[in-house]
């Protein structure tokens, strides 16, 4: 029974790896072979599709934009989210429970539901076609899960840490940045990986806000490239898709253990 269970999960894992296999093999095929042999191993490996994709696809511009959006969101979310989680978990104040409930409500509001009012607000603030026009909404939607995860992590720490720091003459900010912040670094790294994956793959809001080519991330740029190229050269399409997915593949390979730890972190709020 245990042997059959392993075979089953290996088969399930292969289904998740199949899109990656398809992108790589398709990028190495010619136009004719892409139609005659869509799922098999290439008979003759054609590496020229990658060079052609880089020349026709503004890959590095879109890559730079995606990195700006992702890293900007990570910095804002982790800075503000860790401070708010610290206040909610370590301090006693009047609206503590209400604020925690309000933050948790952010988990049930998908970004697609508020795209129209959010777009109107971005236009009102003159942030359309700018980096802040996406970084600020991304940070607002990412902060809920960040706060709740760090809240559960901070609740497990003994309060004697702050008491000892207070005796040594530190204030609240010094105690947080010099003592608490290094301790919660594993949880912050986990959040970095999760936020990176979420923002890197976001499409609806980026498609509406970043209408100019110079501000488009990889997801929107990929759609624009497909519209211009069409569906005639699948080798070129496969190469472009693989180049766009490569940063995400690297991040997932490096941080997959952190993602597994995040599945249990914050599961129970004491």
Protein backbone atom coordinates (compact mmCIF):
# COMPACT_ATOMS: atom_id res chain seq x y z
CA UNK A 1 0.00 0.00 0.00
CA UNK A 2 2.85 2.38 0.84
CA UNK A 3 4.49 1.60 -2.51
CA UNK A 4 1.27 2.39 -4.41
CA UNK A 5 0.92 5.64 -2.49
CA UNK A 6 4.39 6.72 -3.58
CA UNK A 7 3.61 5.89 -7.21
CA UNK A 8 0.43 7.94 -6.99
CA UNK A 9 2.16 11.03 -5.60
CA UNK A 10 4.99 10.73 -8.15
CA UNK A 11 2.35 10.69 -10.89
CA UNK A 12 0.68 13.77 -9.37
CA UNK A 13 4.05 15.53 -9.21
CA UNK A 14 4.69 14.77 -12.88
CA UNK A 15 1.42 16.46 -13.85
CA UNK A 16 2.64 19.66 -12.17
CA UNK A 17 5.99 19.44 -13.97
CA UNK A 18 4.43 18.83 -17.38
CA UNK A 19 3.88 22.57 -18.24
CA UNK A 20 7.57 23.22 -17.57
CA UNK A 21 8.53 20.24 -19.73
CA UNK A 22 6.22 21.47 -22.49
CA UNK A 23 7.69 25.00 -22.47
CA UNK A 24 11.28 23.75 -22.64
CA UNK A 25 10.69 21.20 -25.39
CA UNK A 26 8.50 23.55 -27.41
CA UNK A 27 11.14 26.29 -27.31
CA UNK A 28 13.66 23.89 -28.90
CA UNK A 29 11.46 22.88 -31.85
CA UNK A 30 11.03 24.36 -35.31
CA UNK A 31 7.68 25.62 -36.58
CA UNK A 32 6.88 22.41 -38.42
CA UNK A 33 7.94 20.09 -35.60
CA UNK A 34 5.89 22.07 -33.07
CA UNK A 35 2.76 20.96 -34.96
CA UNK A 36 3.86 17.44 -35.91
CA UNK A 37 5.39 16.58 -32.52
CA UNK A 38 3.81 18.90 -29.93
CA UNK A 39 4.54 16.85 -26.79
CA UNK A 40 7.56 14.71 -27.67
CA UNK A 41 11.27 15.39 -27.27
CA UNK A 42 12.70 17.59 -30.08
CA UNK A 43 14.32 15.66 -32.89
CA UNK A 44 16.70 18.56 -33.64
CA UNK A 45 17.37 21.09 -30.90
CA UNK A 46 16.84 24.66 -32.13
CA UNK A 47 18.45 27.12 -29.70
CA UNK A 48 17.92 30.13 -31.95
CA UNK A 49 14.42 30.71 -30.55
CA UNK A 50 15.88 32.18 -27.35
CA UNK A 51 17.99 34.74 -29.20
CA UNK A 52 15.05 35.62 -31.43
CA UNK A 53 12.80 36.00 -28.38
CA UNK A 54 15.24 38.40 -26.72
CA UNK A 55 15.46 40.49 -29.88
CA UNK A 56 11.70 40.73 -30.50
CA UNK A 57 10.49 40.68 -26.88
CA UNK A 58 11.38 43.57 -24.53
CA UNK A 59 12.41 40.99 -21.96
CA UNK A 60 14.85 43.03 -19.91
CA UNK A 61 12.51 46.04 -19.70
CA UNK A 62 9.64 43.88 -18.49
CA UNK A 63 11.98 41.99 -16.16
CA UNK A 64 13.19 45.25 -14.60
CA UNK A 65 9.60 46.43 -14.11
CA UNK A 66 8.56 43.14 -12.49
CA UNK A 67 11.54 43.32 -10.14
CA UNK A 68 10.69 46.90 -9.17
CA UNK A 69 7.06 46.03 -8.44
CA UNK A 70 7.96 42.87 -6.54
CA UNK A 71 10.85 44.22 -4.47
CA UNK A 72 9.01 47.47 -3.73
CA UNK A 73 5.99 45.53 -2.49
CA UNK A 74 8.20 43.27 -0.36
CA UNK A 75 9.95 46.22 1.32
CA UNK A 76 6.75 48.13 2.11
CA UNK A 77 4.78 45.05 3.18
CA UNK A 78 7.43 43.57 5.46
CA UNK A 79 8.30 46.92 7.07
CA UNK A 80 4.75 48.01 7.84
CA UNK A 81 3.39 44.50 8.37
CA UNK A 82 6.04 43.49 10.90
CA UNK A 83 5.49 46.70 12.90
CA UNK A 84 1.71 46.25 12.92
CA UNK A 85 2.04 42.58 13.88
CA UNK A 86 4.34 43.59 16.72
CA UNK A 87 1.83 46.14 18.01
CA UNK A 88 -1.05 43.67 17.83
CA UNK A 89 0.79 40.78 19.46
CA UNK A 90 2.99 42.44 22.09
CA UNK A 91 1.06 45.55 23.17
CA UNK A 92 -2.27 45.96 24.92
CA UNK A 93 -4.40 48.84 23.66
CA UNK A 94 -8.07 49.61 23.28
CA UNK A 95 -8.74 48.63 19.67
CA UNK A 96 -6.32 45.72 19.51
CA UNK A 97 -8.94 43.05 18.74
CA UNK A 98 -10.87 45.26 16.33
CA UNK A 99 -7.79 46.09 14.28
CA UNK A 100 -6.78 42.41 14.13
CA UNK A 101 -10.26 41.51 12.88
CA UNK A 102 -10.15 44.34 10.33
CA UNK A 103 -6.78 43.17 9.02
CA UNK A 104 -7.95 39.56 8.78
CA UNK A 105 -10.88 40.69 6.61
CA UNK A 106 -8.31 41.58 3.95
CA UNK A 107 -7.77 37.88 3.31
CA UNK A 108 -11.27 37.39 1.92
CA UNK A 109 -11.27 40.33 -0.52
CA UNK A 110 -9.67 39.35 -3.85
CA UNK A 111 -8.08 42.08 -5.89
CA UNK A 112 -10.37 41.37 -8.86
CA UNK A 113 -13.45 42.46 -6.86
CA UNK A 114 -12.20 46.02 -6.29
CA UNK A 115 -10.40 46.58 -9.60
CA UNK A 116 -12.82 49.28 -10.83
CA UNK A 117 -12.87 51.51 -7.69
CA UNK A 118 -9.15 50.92 -7.23
CA UNK A 119 -8.48 52.03 -10.80
CA UNK A 120 -10.56 55.17 -10.28
CA UNK A 121 -8.61 55.95 -7.11
CA UNK A 122 -5.29 55.46 -8.90
CA UNK A 123 -6.39 57.84 -11.66
CA UNK A 124 -7.54 60.39 -9.07
CA UNK A 125 -4.11 60.29 -7.41
CA UNK A 126 -2.37 60.52 -10.83
CA UNK A 127 -0.55 57.24 -10.25
CA UNK A 128 -1.60 55.52 -13.48
CA UNK A 129 1.40 54.39 -15.54
CA UNK A 130 3.79 54.74 -12.62
CA UNK A 131 5.55 52.28 -10.36
CA UNK A 132 3.68 53.45 -7.25
CA UNK A 133 0.38 52.86 -9.04
CA UNK A 134 0.98 49.10 -8.66
CA UNK A 135 3.33 48.91 -5.68
CA UNK A 136 0.90 50.59 -3.26
CA UNK A 137 -2.16 48.40 -4.13
CA UNK A 138 0.01 45.28 -4.10
CA UNK A 139 1.30 46.18 -0.65
CA UNK A 140 -2.22 46.83 0.62
CA UNK A 141 -3.44 43.41 -0.48
CA UNK A 142 -0.34 41.57 0.75
CA UNK A 143 -0.22 43.08 4.21
CA UNK A 144 -3.10 41.01 5.66
CA UNK A 145 -1.44 37.60 5.28
CA UNK A 146 1.89 39.08 6.36
CA UNK A 147 0.46 40.54 9.58
CA UNK A 148 -1.45 37.40 10.55
CA UNK A 149 1.52 35.13 9.98
CA UNK A 150 3.92 37.34 11.93
CA UNK A 151 1.27 37.84 14.62
CA UNK A 152 1.16 34.10 15.32
CA UNK A 153 4.97 33.94 15.22
CA UNK A 154 5.38 36.83 17.66
CA UNK A 155 2.79 35.44 20.09
CA UNK A 156 5.05 32.43 20.64
CA UNK A 157 7.98 34.59 21.82
CA UNK A 158 8.42 35.22 25.56
CA UNK A 159 7.68 38.75 26.72
CA UNK A 160 10.77 38.65 28.91
CA UNK A 161 12.72 39.69 25.81
CA UNK A 162 11.20 43.17 25.86
CA UNK A 163 11.33 43.35 29.65
CA UNK A 164 15.06 42.63 29.67
CA UNK A 165 15.58 45.18 26.90
CA UNK A 166 13.58 47.77 28.83
CA UNK A 167 15.75 47.24 31.90
CA UNK A 168 18.81 47.88 29.70
CA UNK A 169 17.33 51.23 28.70
CA UNK A 170 16.02 50.55 25.19
CA UNK A 171 12.81 52.10 23.87
CA UNK A 172 10.10 50.37 21.85
CA UNK A 173 11.73 50.98 18.47
CA UNK A 174 15.16 49.80 19.62
CA UNK A 175 13.65 46.68 21.15
CA UNK A 176 11.85 45.87 17.90
CA UNK A 177 14.67 46.48 15.42
CA UNK A 178 17.57 45.19 17.53
CA UNK A 179 15.95 42.22 19.31
CA UNK A 180 12.63 41.17 17.76
CA UNK A 181 13.42 41.84 14.09
CA UNK A 182 16.41 39.44 13.92
CA UNK A 183 14.39 36.73 15.70
CA UNK A 184 11.51 36.85 13.21
CA UNK A 185 13.86 36.85 10.21
CA UNK A 186 12.89 33.25 9.18
CA UNK A 187 9.24 34.28 9.02
CA UNK A 188 10.17 37.39 7.04
CA UNK A 189 12.12 35.32 4.53
CA UNK A 190 9.10 33.04 4.12
CA UNK A 191 6.92 36.07 3.46
CA UNK A 192 9.45 37.33 0.91
CA UNK A 193 9.06 34.14 -1.10
CA UNK A 194 5.27 34.13 -0.89
CA UNK A 195 4.93 37.80 -1.82
CA UNK A 196 7.38 37.38 -4.68
CA UNK A 197 5.37 34.53 -6.17
CA UNK A 198 2.07 36.36 -5.72
CA UNK A 199 3.16 39.69 -7.21
CA UNK A 200 5.27 38.22 -10.01
CA UNK A 201 2.25 36.32 -11.37
CA UNK A 202 -0.33 39.10 -10.90
CA UNK A 203 -2.06 40.12 -14.12
CA UNK A 204 -5.51 41.84 -13.90
CA UNK A 205 -4.49 45.02 -12.06
CA UNK A 206 -1.18 45.31 -13.91
CA UNK A 207 -3.00 44.99 -17.24
CA UNK A 208 -5.29 47.91 -16.38
CA UNK A 209 -2.88 50.26 -14.58
CA UNK A 210 0.32 49.73 -16.62
CA UNK A 211 -0.98 50.56 -20.09
CA UNK A 212 2.33 52.00 -21.32
CA UNK A 213 4.94 49.55 -22.51
CA UNK A 214 7.71 51.07 -20.37
CA UNK A 215 5.80 50.23 -17.16
CA UNK A 216 4.50 46.78 -18.07
CA UNK A 217 5.62 43.75 -16.03
CA UNK A 218 6.43 40.39 -17.58
CA UNK A 219 2.88 39.05 -17.37
CA UNK A 220 1.37 41.95 -19.33
CA UNK A 221 4.32 42.17 -21.70
CA UNK A 222 3.93 38.49 -22.50
CA UNK A 223 0.31 39.02 -23.54
CA UNK A 224 1.28 41.95 -25.75
CA UNK A 225 4.00 39.85 -27.36
CA UNK A 226 1.56 37.00 -28.09
CA UNK A 227 -0.88 39.41 -29.72
CA UNK A 228 1.85 40.77 -32.01
CA UNK A 229 3.43 37.42 -32.89
CA UNK A 230 0.28 35.32 -33.19
CA UNK A 231 0.23 31.52 -32.92
CA UNK A 232 2.34 30.60 -35.92
CA UNK A 233 5.76 30.18 -34.27
CA UNK A 234 5.30 27.99 -31.19
CA UNK A 235 9.04 27.61 -30.74
CA UNK A 236 9.36 31.36 -30.25
CA UNK A 237 6.34 31.39 -27.94
CA UNK A 238 7.77 28.55 -25.84
CA UNK A 239 11.13 30.32 -25.53
CA UNK A 240 9.45 33.56 -24.44
CA UNK A 241 7.29 31.76 -21.88
CA UNK A 242 10.31 29.96 -20.45
CA UNK A 243 12.35 33.17 -20.16
CA UNK A 244 9.45 34.85 -18.37
CA UNK A 245 9.03 31.90 -16.00
CA UNK A 246 12.74 31.42 -15.28
CA UNK A 247 13.02 33.91 -12.36
CA UNK A 248 9.97 32.35 -10.71
CA UNK A 249 11.39 28.85 -11.15
CA UNK A 250 14.67 29.91 -9.51
CA UNK A 251 12.90 31.58 -6.58
CA UNK A 252 10.68 28.56 -6.02
CA UNK A 253 13.62 26.15 -6.12
CA UNK A 254 15.48 28.26 -3.55
CA UNK A 255 12.52 28.96 -1.29
CA UNK A 256 10.33 25.85 -1.58
CA UNK A 257 11.21 24.81 1.98
CA UNK A 258 10.12 28.23 3.22
CA UNK A 259 6.79 27.81 1.45
CA UNK A 260 6.25 24.46 3.14
CA UNK A 261 6.96 26.05 6.54
CA UNK A 262 4.49 28.81 5.75
CA UNK A 263 1.67 26.29 5.35
CA UNK A 264 1.71 25.71 9.11
CA UNK A 265 2.95 29.09 10.30
CA UNK A 266 0.06 31.14 11.58
CA UNK A 267 -2.44 28.28 11.32
CA UNK A 268 -3.61 28.91 14.86
CA UNK A 269 -3.94 32.37 16.35
CA UNK A 270 -3.68 32.11 20.10
